Amino acid sequence: MPIPDSHSLAAAFATAVTGGLSGSLPSGAASAEVVSTGGSAADDLSGFSAWTVTIMETLGPAGVGFMVFLDNIFPPIPSELVLPLAGFTSSQGQMNIVAAIVFATIGSVLGAVLLWALGKWIGIERIARIAVTMPLVDVDDVHKTVDWFDRHGDKAVFFGRMIPIFRSLISIPAGMRDMRLGTFLLLTTAGSAIWNTILIVAGFTLGENWSVVETYAGYFQNLVIVAVVVFVIVWIVFKIRRQRRKTAAGLDTTEDDHIEPGQS
C-alpha cells in the first residue's frame, strides 16, 4: 500500500484488539481446518497479509466482517488489501465467497453507523464554531458546505463508500447533518456492497495474483490524495488572495461569528 508502514501499524493494532479471539475458539479448530483443506492460504504470505488471512481462516466470513469493521474506524487497516485477500482466501476453498461479501458489507455498515453516531453527537453547530476559529475559514464557508451536503448528501454517502479516504469520513458529516438513519443505512449498504463485491470478486478471480487488485486500488487512492491536496492548495491560494483584496480595499475582514448552519 502507498501508506508507509501502514501494514505493520494495522497488524499491531488489530492484534492487540483481537488477541483473545483465538482463545475463545475450540482447541485445534484452526489447525483442523488447515489439515482438512491441505494447507493454509497464508503459507505463502507474510506480515499483515498472512495475519489477515489467518484471521479469515480462523473466524471464517465473520473474520472478513471484523477486519472491514476495523478498516472503517481505523484507516491504517486498508480495505484495498483486506477485501482482495478475502477473495483469495475464498479461491483457496477456505471460505464461501458470497458469505465473505455479506459479512464484509455488514462490517462496513456497522463501522459506518458508529461514525454516523459520532457525527450526530458532535453536531454541526459545534463543529461550525470550531471551524470559524481556523485561519482562512469564515461563516460563509460553513454555510456553503452545509448547503452542499443538504443538496447532494445522498449521492455523497452512496458514492463516498467507493472512494478511498472518503469511504469512512463521509459518515461523520451525515451524522452531523442528522441524515435519517434509515436513509443512511440504505445508501451505505448499497455503496459498500458494490465496493466489497468488486474487490472480493477480483481477488477471487485472480487467486494467487490477488495483489494486482491492491496495486491498482493503491493507484486510485493516490489519485484521490493528489486531487485532495491540489484542491486544498487552490482553496488556500484563493482565500489568501481574497483576504488581501479586502485588506487593500480597506474592508473589514472579520465577520459575524453567529452561526446557524443550513441557513443561507
C-alpha atoms as a PDB file:
ATOM      1  CA  MET A   1       0.000   0.000   0.000  1.00  0.00           C
ATOM      2  CA  PRO A   2       1.143   3.557  -0.521  1.00  0.00           C
ATOM      3  CA  ILE A   3       0.843   4.455   3.156  1.00  0.00           C
ATOM      4  CA  PRO A   4       4.279   3.929   4.765  1.00  0.00           C
ATOM      5  CA  ASP A   5       4.334   1.179   7.398  1.00  0.00           C
ATOM      6  CA  SER A   6       0.532   1.007   7.418  1.00  0.00           C
ATOM      7  CA  HIS A   7       0.538  -2.794   7.372  1.00  0.00           C
ATOM      8  CA  SER A   8       2.727  -3.137  10.437  1.00  0.00           C
ATOM      9  CA  LEU A   9       0.760  -0.451  12.285  1.00  0.00           C
ATOM     10  CA  ALA A  10      -2.521  -2.114  11.367  1.00  0.00           C
ATOM     11  CA  ALA A  11      -1.286  -5.529  12.415  1.00  0.00           C
ATOM     12  CA  ALA A  12      -0.109  -4.227  15.780  1.00  0.00           C
ATOM     13  CA  PHE A  13      -3.433  -2.525  16.459  1.00  0.00           C
ATOM     14  CA  ALA A  14      -5.604  -5.396  15.304  1.00  0.00           C
ATOM     15  CA  THR A  15      -3.508  -7.963  17.161  1.00  0.00           C
ATOM     16  CA  ALA A  16      -3.986  -6.009  20.362  1.00  0.00           C
ATOM     17  CA  VAL A  17      -7.739  -5.840  19.765  1.00  0.00           C
ATOM     18  CA  THR A  18      -8.205  -9.444  18.716  1.00  0.00           C
ATOM     19  CA  GLY A  19      -5.632 -11.112  20.921  1.00  0.00           C
ATOM     20  CA  GLY A  20      -8.272 -13.018  22.837  1.00  0.00           C
ATOM     21  CA  LEU A  21     -10.340 -14.175  19.875  1.00  0.00           C
ATOM     22  CA  SER A  22      -8.322 -17.288  19.144  1.00  0.00           C
ATOM     23  CA  GLY A  23      -8.593 -18.357  22.747  1.00  0.00           C
ATOM     24  CA  SER A  24     -12.397 -18.373  22.504  1.00  0.00           C
ATOM     25  CA  LEU A  25     -12.361 -20.985  19.743  1.00  0.00           C
ATOM     26  CA  PRO A  26     -12.327 -24.730  20.385  1.00  0.00           C
ATOM     27  CA  SER A  27      -8.806 -26.056  20.797  1.00  0.00           C
ATOM     28  CA  GLY A  28      -7.312 -27.140  17.479  1.00  0.00           C
ATOM     29  CA  ALA A  29     -10.167 -25.678  15.424  1.00  0.00           C
ATOM     30  CA  ALA A  30      -7.872 -23.663  13.162  1.00  0.00           C
ATOM     31  CA  SER A  31      -5.348 -26.433  12.700  1.00  0.00           C
ATOM     32  CA  ALA A  32      -8.120 -28.953  11.944  1.00  0.00           C
ATOM     33  CA  GLU A  33      -9.428 -26.739   9.165  1.00  0.00           C
ATOM     34  CA  VAL A  34      -5.948 -26.352   7.694  1.00  0.00           C
ATOM     35  CA  VAL A  35      -5.392 -30.113   7.732  1.00  0.00           C
ATOM     36  CA  SER A  36      -8.764 -30.774   6.095  1.00  0.00           C
ATOM     37  CA  THR A  37      -8.005 -28.416   3.228  1.00  0.00           C
ATOM     38  CA  GLY A  38      -4.427 -29.474   2.748  1.00  0.00           C
ATOM     39  CA  GLY A  39      -2.769 -26.298   3.975  1.00  0.00           C
ATOM     40  CA  SER A  40      -3.313 -22.650   4.800  1.00  0.00           C
ATOM     41  CA  ALA A  41      -3.774 -19.922   2.218  1.00  0.00           C
ATOM     42  CA  ALA A  42      -1.433 -17.841   4.392  1.00  0.00           C
ATOM     43  CA  ASP A  43       1.512 -20.238   3.921  1.00  0.00           C
ATOM     44  CA  ASP A  44       2.984 -18.252   1.026  1.00  0.00           C
ATOM     45  CA  LEU A  45       2.218 -14.828   2.529  1.00  0.00           C
ATOM     46  CA  SER A  46       3.957 -12.760   5.178  1.00  0.00           C
ATOM     47  CA  GLY A  47       3.396  -9.832   7.506  1.00  0.00           C
ATOM     48  CA  PHE A  48      -0.021  -8.217   7.678  1.00  0.00           C
ATOM     49  CA  SER A  49      -1.284 -10.189   4.672  1.00  0.00           C
ATOM     50  CA  ALA A  50      -0.547 -13.535   6.330  1.00  0.00           C
ATOM     51  CA  TRP A  51      -2.066 -12.344   9.608  1.00  0.00           C
ATOM     52  CA  THR A  52      -5.238 -11.170   7.833  1.00  0.00           C
ATOM     53  CA  VAL A  53      -5.698 -14.469   6.014  1.00  0.00           C
ATOM     54  CA  THR A  54      -5.143 -16.367   9.263  1.00  0.00           C
ATOM     55  CA  ILE A  55      -7.921 -14.322  10.912  1.00  0.00           C
ATOM     56  CA  MET A  56     -10.232 -15.099   7.989  1.00  0.00           C
ATOM     57  CA  GLU A  57      -9.402 -18.800   8.062  1.00  0.00           C
ATOM     58  CA  THR A  58      -9.902 -18.938  11.831  1.00  0.00           C
ATOM     59  CA  LEU A  59     -13.121 -16.931  12.087  1.00  0.00           C
ATOM     60  CA  GLY A  60     -14.467 -17.557   8.600  1.00  0.00           C
ATOM     61  CA  PRO A  61     -16.641 -14.857   6.946  1.00  0.00           C
ATOM     62  CA  ALA A  62     -17.068 -13.224  10.368  1.00  0.00           C
ATOM     63  CA  GLY A  63     -13.320 -12.532  10.253  1.00  0.00           C
ATOM     64  CA  VAL A  64     -13.795 -10.643   6.993  1.00  0.00           C
ATOM     65  CA  GLY A  65     -16.564  -8.567   8.575  1.00  0.00           C
ATOM     66  CA  PHE A  66     -14.397  -7.873  11.603  1.00  0.00           C
ATOM     67  CA  MET A  67     -11.443  -6.711   9.511  1.00  0.00           C
ATOM     68  CA  VAL A  68     -13.646  -4.472   7.364  1.00  0.00           C
ATOM     69  CA  PHE A  69     -15.232  -3.019  10.519  1.00  0.00           C
ATOM     70  CA  LEU A  70     -11.739  -2.147  11.762  1.00  0.00           C
ATOM     71  CA  ASP A  71     -10.956  -0.610   8.368  1.00  0.00           C
ATOM     72  CA  ASN A  72     -13.852   1.809   8.862  1.00  0.00           C
ATOM     73  CA  ILE A  73     -12.784   3.018  12.301  1.00  0.00           C
ATOM     74  CA  PHE A  74      -9.008   2.569  11.938  1.00  0.00           C
ATOM     75  CA  PRO A  75      -7.947   3.636   8.403  1.00  0.00           C
ATOM     76  CA  PRO A  76      -4.412   2.129   8.515  1.00  0.00           C
ATOM     77  CA  ILE A  77      -6.197  -1.217   8.035  1.00  0.00           C
ATOM     78  CA  PRO A  78      -6.826  -0.885   4.277  1.00  0.00           C
ATOM     79  CA  SER A  79      -9.889  -2.481   2.677  1.00  0.00           C
ATOM     80  CA  GLU A  80      -7.937  -2.417  -0.596  1.00  0.00           C
ATOM     81  CA  LEU A  81      -5.812  -5.165   0.971  1.00  0.00           C
ATOM     82  CA  VAL A  82      -8.368  -6.944   3.162  1.00  0.00           C
ATOM     83  CA  LEU A  83     -11.056  -7.448   0.502  1.00  0.00           C
ATOM     84  CA  PRO A  84      -8.868  -8.933  -2.265  1.00  0.00           C
ATOM     85  CA  LEU A  85      -7.356 -11.189   0.401  1.00  0.00           C
ATOM     86  CA  ALA A  86     -10.875 -12.336   1.297  1.00  0.00           C
ATOM     87  CA  GLY A  87     -11.397 -13.210  -2.358  1.00  0.00           C
ATOM     88  CA  PHE A  88      -8.067 -15.021  -2.485  1.00  0.00           C
ATOM     89  CA  THR A  89      -8.924 -16.983   0.659  1.00  0.00           C
ATOM     90  CA  SER A  90     -12.250 -17.940  -0.918  1.00  0.00           C
ATOM     91  CA  SER A  91     -10.485 -19.094  -4.085  1.00  0.00           C
ATOM     92  CA  GLN A  92      -8.390 -21.459  -1.957  1.00  0.00           C
ATOM     93  CA  GLY A  93     -11.540 -23.153  -0.669  1.00  0.00           C
ATOM     94  CA  GLN A  94     -11.215 -21.718   2.833  1.00  0.00           C
ATOM     95  CA  MET A  95     -14.381 -19.626   2.701  1.00  0.00           C
ATOM     96  CA  ASN A  96     -17.614 -19.134   0.744  1.00  0.00           C
ATOM     97  CA  ILE A  97     -17.322 -16.033  -1.439  1.00  0.00           C
ATOM     98  CA  VAL A  98     -20.979 -15.000  -1.050  1.00  0.00           C
ATOM     99  CA  ALA A  99     -20.700 -15.201   2.741  1.00  0.00           C
ATOM    100  CA  ALA A 100     -17.478 -13.157   2.554  1.00  0.00           C
ATOM    101  CA  ILE A 101     -19.282 -10.389   0.623  1.00  0.00           C
ATOM    102  CA  VAL A 102     -22.244 -10.408   3.014  1.00  0.00           C
ATOM    103  CA  PHE A 103     -20.131 -10.217   6.155  1.00  0.00           C
ATOM    104  CA  ALA A 104     -17.813  -7.600   4.622  1.00  0.00           C
ATOM    105  CA  THR A 105     -20.867  -5.438   3.939  1.00  0.00           C
ATOM    106  CA  ILE A 106     -22.152  -5.975   7.482  1.00  0.00           C
ATOM    107  CA  GLY A 107     -18.762  -4.894   8.831  1.00  0.00           C
ATOM    108  CA  SER A 108     -18.805  -1.809   6.594  1.00  0.00           C
ATOM    109  CA  VAL A 109     -22.276  -0.794   7.757  1.00  0.00           C
ATOM    110  CA  LEU A 110     -21.525  -1.316  11.466  1.00  0.00           C
ATOM    111  CA  GLY A 111     -18.389   0.815  11.225  1.00  0.00           C
ATOM    112  CA  ALA A 112     -20.246   3.499   9.267  1.00  0.00           C
ATOM    113  CA  VAL A 113     -23.081   3.627  11.817  1.00  0.00           C
ATOM    114  CA  LEU A 114     -20.541   4.102  14.607  1.00  0.00           C
ATOM    115  CA  LEU A 115     -19.061   7.106  12.788  1.00  0.00           C
ATOM    116  CA  TRP A 116     -22.557   8.411  11.944  1.00  0.00           C
ATOM    117  CA  ALA A 117     -23.383   8.317  15.669  1.00  0.00           C
ATOM    118  CA  LEU A 118     -20.121  10.144  16.419  1.00  0.00           C
ATOM    119  CA  GLY A 119     -21.032  12.858  13.926  1.00  0.00           C
ATOM    120  CA  LYS A 120     -24.514  13.166  15.387  1.00  0.00           C
ATOM    121  CA  TRP A 121     -23.040  13.503  18.895  1.00  0.00           C
ATOM    122  CA  ILE A 122     -20.581  16.205  17.775  1.00  0.00           C
ATOM    123  CA  GLY A 123     -23.289  18.142  15.935  1.00  0.00           C
ATOM    124  CA  ILE A 124     -22.966  20.629  13.104  1.00  0.00           C
ATOM    125  CA  GLU A 125     -23.232  23.668  15.374  1.00  0.00           C
ATOM    126  CA  ARG A 126     -20.272  22.594  17.484  1.00  0.00           C
ATOM    127  CA  ILE A 127     -18.042  21.792  14.520  1.00  0.00           C
ATOM    128  CA  ALA A 128     -19.058  25.060  12.841  1.00  0.00           C
ATOM    129  CA  ARG A 129     -17.996  27.086  15.885  1.00  0.00           C
ATOM    130  CA  ILE A 130     -14.641  25.341  15.780  1.00  0.00           C
ATOM    131  CA  ALA A 131     -14.287  25.780  12.001  1.00  0.00           C
ATOM    132  CA  VAL A 132     -14.686  29.563  12.015  1.00  0.00           C
ATOM    133  CA  THR A 133     -11.836  29.910  14.527  1.00  0.00           C
ATOM    134  CA  MET A 134      -9.475  28.359  11.982  1.00  0.00           C
ATOM    135  CA  PRO A 135      -7.366  30.567   9.707  1.00  0.00           C
ATOM    136  CA  LEU A 136      -8.945  31.436   6.336  1.00  0.00           C
ATOM    137  CA  VAL A 137     -12.307  29.876   7.282  1.00  0.00           C
ATOM    138  CA  ASP A 138     -15.350  32.100   7.648  1.00  0.00           C
ATOM    139  CA  VAL A 139     -19.057  31.689   8.322  1.00  0.00           C
ATOM    140  CA  ASP A 140     -19.879  31.715   4.623  1.00  0.00           C
ATOM    141  CA  ASP A 141     -17.651  28.667   4.086  1.00  0.00           C
ATOM    142  CA  VAL A 142     -19.586  26.775   6.744  1.00  0.00           C
ATOM    143  CA  HIS A 143     -22.945  27.718   5.223  1.00  0.00           C
ATOM    144  CA  LYS A 144     -21.819  26.699   1.719  1.00  0.00           C
ATOM    145  CA  THR A 145     -20.551  23.323   2.955  1.00  0.00           C
ATOM    146  CA  VAL A 146     -23.773  22.599   4.839  1.00  0.00           C
ATOM    147  CA  ASP A 147     -25.917  23.704   1.892  1.00  0.00           C
ATOM    148  CA  TRP A 148     -23.897  21.491  -0.455  1.00  0.00           C
ATOM    149  CA  PHE A 149     -24.423  18.449   1.777  1.00  0.00           C
ATOM    150  CA  ASP A 150     -28.130  19.212   2.056  1.00  0.00           C
ATOM    151  CA  ARG A 151     -28.372  19.141  -1.750  1.00  0.00           C
ATOM    152  CA  HIS A 152     -26.016  16.246  -2.505  1.00  0.00           C
ATOM    153  CA  GLY A 153     -25.784  14.294   0.742  1.00  0.00           C
ATOM    154  CA  ASP A 154     -27.499  11.160  -0.581  1.00  0.00           C
ATOM    155  CA  LYS A 155     -25.151  10.881  -3.556  1.00  0.00           C
ATOM    156  CA  ALA A 156     -22.154  11.750  -1.378  1.00  0.00           C
ATOM    157  CA  VAL A 157     -22.892   8.911   1.055  1.00  0.00           C
ATOM    158  CA  PHE A 158     -23.564   6.361  -1.704  1.00  0.00           C
ATOM    159  CA  PHE A 159     -20.582   7.129  -3.938  1.00  0.00           C
ATOM    160  CA  GLY A 160     -18.380   8.055  -0.989  1.00  0.00           C
ATOM    161  CA  ARG A 161     -18.427   4.409   0.110  1.00  0.00           C
ATOM    162  CA  MET A 162     -16.459   3.595  -3.049  1.00  0.00           C
ATOM    163  CA  ILE A 163     -13.796   6.301  -2.710  1.00  0.00           C
ATOM    164  CA  PRO A 164     -10.653   5.821  -0.585  1.00  0.00           C
ATOM    165  CA  ILE A 165     -10.316   8.225   2.363  1.00  0.00           C
ATOM    166  CA  PHE A 166     -13.906   9.457   1.987  1.00  0.00           C
ATOM    167  CA  ARG A 167     -15.296   5.943   2.463  1.00  0.00           C
ATOM    168  CA  SER A 168     -15.192   6.260   6.246  1.00  0.00           C
ATOM    169  CA  LEU A 169     -15.174  10.040   6.643  1.00  0.00           C
ATOM    170  CA  ILE A 170     -18.448  10.626   4.775  1.00  0.00           C
ATOM    171  CA  SER A 171     -20.363   9.001   7.647  1.00  0.00           C
ATOM    172  CA  ILE A 172     -19.403  11.802  10.041  1.00  0.00           C
ATOM    173  CA  PRO A 173     -20.995  14.764   8.176  1.00  0.00           C
ATOM    174  CA  ALA A 174     -24.042  12.554   7.534  1.00  0.00           C
ATOM    175  CA  GLY A 175     -24.438  12.222  11.288  1.00  0.00           C
ATOM    176  CA  MET A 176     -23.690  15.892  11.895  1.00  0.00           C
ATOM    177  CA  ARG A 177     -26.406  16.889   9.434  1.00  0.00           C
ATOM    178  CA  ASP A 178     -28.762  14.394  11.110  1.00  0.00           C
ATOM    179  CA  MET A 179     -29.397  12.343   7.979  1.00  0.00           C
ATOM    180  CA  ARG A 180     -32.185   9.873   8.728  1.00  0.00           C
ATOM    181  CA  LEU A 181     -30.697   6.604   9.936  1.00  0.00           C
ATOM    182  CA  GLY A 182     -32.876   4.542   7.578  1.00  0.00           C
ATOM    183  CA  THR A 183     -31.706   6.515   4.553  1.00  0.00           C
ATOM    184  CA  PHE A 184     -28.110   6.394   5.721  1.00  0.00           C
ATOM    185  CA  LEU A 185     -28.255   2.610   6.207  1.00  0.00           C
ATOM    186  CA  LEU A 186     -29.767   2.048   2.760  1.00  0.00           C
ATOM    187  CA  LEU A 187     -27.212   4.201   0.933  1.00  0.00           C
ATOM    188  CA  THR A 188     -24.273   2.892   2.948  1.00  0.00           C
ATOM    189  CA  THR A 189     -25.291  -0.735   2.455  1.00  0.00           C
ATOM    190  CA  ALA A 190     -25.707  -0.287  -1.309  1.00  0.00           C
ATOM    191  CA  GLY A 191     -22.428   1.569  -1.791  1.00  0.00           C
ATOM    192  CA  SER A 192     -20.490  -0.788   0.486  1.00  0.00           C
ATOM    193  CA  ALA A 193     -21.922  -3.886  -1.182  1.00  0.00           C
ATOM    194  CA  ILE A 194     -20.777  -2.668  -4.609  1.00  0.00           C
ATOM    195  CA  TRP A 195     -17.259  -1.802  -3.409  1.00  0.00           C
ATOM    196  CA  ASN A 196     -16.863  -5.024  -1.423  1.00  0.00           C
ATOM    197  CA  THR A 197     -18.164  -7.195  -4.254  1.00  0.00           C
ATOM    198  CA  ILE A 198     -15.819  -5.678  -6.833  1.00  0.00           C
ATOM    199  CA  LEU A 199     -12.677  -6.174  -4.729  1.00  0.00           C
ATOM    200  CA  ILE A 200     -13.588  -9.590  -3.330  1.00  0.00           C
ATOM    201  CA  VAL A 201     -14.593 -10.997  -6.729  1.00  0.00           C
ATOM    202  CA  ALA A 202     -11.408  -9.541  -8.249  1.00  0.00           C
ATOM    203  CA  GLY A 203      -9.305 -11.222  -5.552  1.00  0.00           C
ATOM    204  CA  PHE A 204     -11.187 -14.496  -6.094  1.00  0.00           C
ATOM    205  CA  THR A 205     -10.711 -14.357  -9.865  1.00  0.00           C
ATOM    206  CA  LEU A 206      -7.021 -13.519  -9.705  1.00  0.00           C
ATOM    207  CA  GLY A 207      -6.277 -16.076  -6.988  1.00  0.00           C
ATOM    208  CA  GLU A 208      -2.589 -16.000  -6.094  1.00  0.00           C
ATOM    209  CA  ASN A 209      -2.245 -12.822  -8.172  1.00  0.00           C
ATOM    210  CA  TRP A 210      -4.682 -11.014  -5.850  1.00  0.00           C
ATOM    211  CA  SER A 211      -2.058  -8.334  -5.125  1.00  0.00           C
ATOM    212  CA  VAL A 212      -2.744  -6.859  -8.582  1.00  0.00           C
ATOM    213  CA  VAL A 213      -6.032  -5.584  -7.141  1.00  0.00           C
ATOM    214  CA  GLU A 214      -4.222  -3.935  -4.256  1.00  0.00           C
ATOM    215  CA  THR A 215      -1.755  -2.320  -6.646  1.00  0.00           C
ATOM    216  CA  TYR A 216      -4.401  -0.709  -8.857  1.00  0.00           C
ATOM    217  CA  ALA A 217      -6.539   0.238  -5.851  1.00  0.00           C
ATOM    218  CA  GLY A 218      -3.421   1.922  -4.492  1.00  0.00           C
ATOM    219  CA  TYR A 219      -3.110   3.937  -7.701  1.00  0.00           C
ATOM    220  CA  PHE A 220      -6.730   5.025  -7.284  1.00  0.00           C
ATOM    221  CA  GLN A 221      -6.090   6.029  -3.673  1.00  0.00           C
ATOM    222  CA  ASN A 222      -3.004   8.031  -4.672  1.00  0.00           C
ATOM    223  CA  LEU A 223      -5.055   9.802  -7.343  1.00  0.00           C
ATOM    224  CA  VAL A 224      -7.655  10.748  -4.723  1.00  0.00           C
ATOM    225  CA  ILE A 225      -4.945  12.013  -2.361  1.00  0.00           C
ATOM    226  CA  VAL A 226      -3.374  14.141  -5.100  1.00  0.00           C
ATOM    227  CA  ALA A 227      -6.786  15.572  -6.021  1.00  0.00           C
ATOM    228  CA  VAL A 228      -7.472  16.477  -2.391  1.00  0.00           C
ATOM    229  CA  VAL A 229      -4.053  18.110  -1.970  1.00  0.00           C
ATOM    230  CA  VAL A 230      -4.490  20.130  -5.180  1.00  0.00           C
ATOM    231  CA  PHE A 231      -7.972  21.221  -4.092  1.00  0.00           C
ATOM    232  CA  VAL A 232      -6.710  22.328  -0.669  1.00  0.00           C
ATOM    233  CA  ILE A 233      -3.814  24.276  -2.185  1.00  0.00           C
ATOM    234  CA  VAL A 234      -6.083  26.029  -4.707  1.00  0.00           C
ATOM    235  CA  TRP A 235      -8.593  26.838  -1.924  1.00  0.00           C
ATOM    236  CA  ILE A 236      -5.863  28.304   0.314  1.00  0.00           C
ATOM    237  CA  VAL A 237      -4.465  30.450  -2.520  1.00  0.00           C
ATOM    238  CA  PHE A 238      -7.974  31.687  -3.354  1.00  0.00           C
ATOM    239  CA  LYS A 239      -8.726  32.588   0.287  1.00  0.00           C
ATOM    240  CA  ILE A 240      -5.421  34.401   0.773  1.00  0.00           C
ATOM    241  CA  ARG A 241      -5.887  36.452  -2.383  1.00  0.00           C
ATOM    242  CA  ARG A 242      -9.473  37.266  -1.379  1.00  0.00           C
ATOM    243  CA  GLN A 243      -8.410  38.485   2.051  1.00  0.00           C
ATOM    244  CA  ARG A 244      -5.576  40.541   0.560  1.00  0.00           C
ATOM    245  CA  ARG A 245      -8.027  42.230  -1.831  1.00  0.00           C
ATOM    246  CA  LYS A 246     -10.324  43.038   1.085  1.00  0.00           C
ATOM    247  CA  THR A 247      -7.440  44.436   3.104  1.00  0.00           C
ATOM    248  CA  ALA A 248      -6.216  46.530   0.177  1.00  0.00           C
ATOM    249  CA  ALA A 249      -9.724  47.895  -0.286  1.00  0.00           C
ATOM    250  CA  GLY A 250      -9.906  48.811   3.398  1.00  0.00           C
ATOM    251  CA  LEU A 251     -12.779  46.423   4.058  1.00  0.00           C
ATOM    252  CA  ASP A 252     -13.347  44.737   7.414  1.00  0.00           C
ATOM    253  CA  THR A 253     -12.340  41.077   7.001  1.00  0.00           C
ATOM    254  CA  THR A 254     -13.977  40.000  10.244  1.00  0.00           C
ATOM    255  CA  GLU A 255     -17.485  38.602  10.085  1.00  0.00           C
ATOM    256  CA  ASP A 256     -20.300  37.983  12.488  1.00  0.00           C
ATOM    257  CA  ASP A 257     -19.475  34.687  14.183  1.00  0.00           C
ATOM    258  CA  HIS A 258     -23.120  33.823  14.842  1.00  0.00           C
ATOM    259  CA  ILE A 259     -23.664  30.536  13.076  1.00  0.00           C
ATOM    260  CA  GLU A 260     -26.934  28.914  12.061  1.00  0.00           C
ATOM    261  CA  PRO A 261     -25.812  26.093   9.773  1.00  0.00           C
ATOM    262  CA  GLY A 262     -28.087  25.313   6.879  1.00  0.00           C
ATOM    263  CA  GLN A 263     -29.395  28.851   6.530  1.00  0.00           C
ATOM    264  CA  SER A 264     -28.174  30.987   3.660  1.00  0.00           C
END
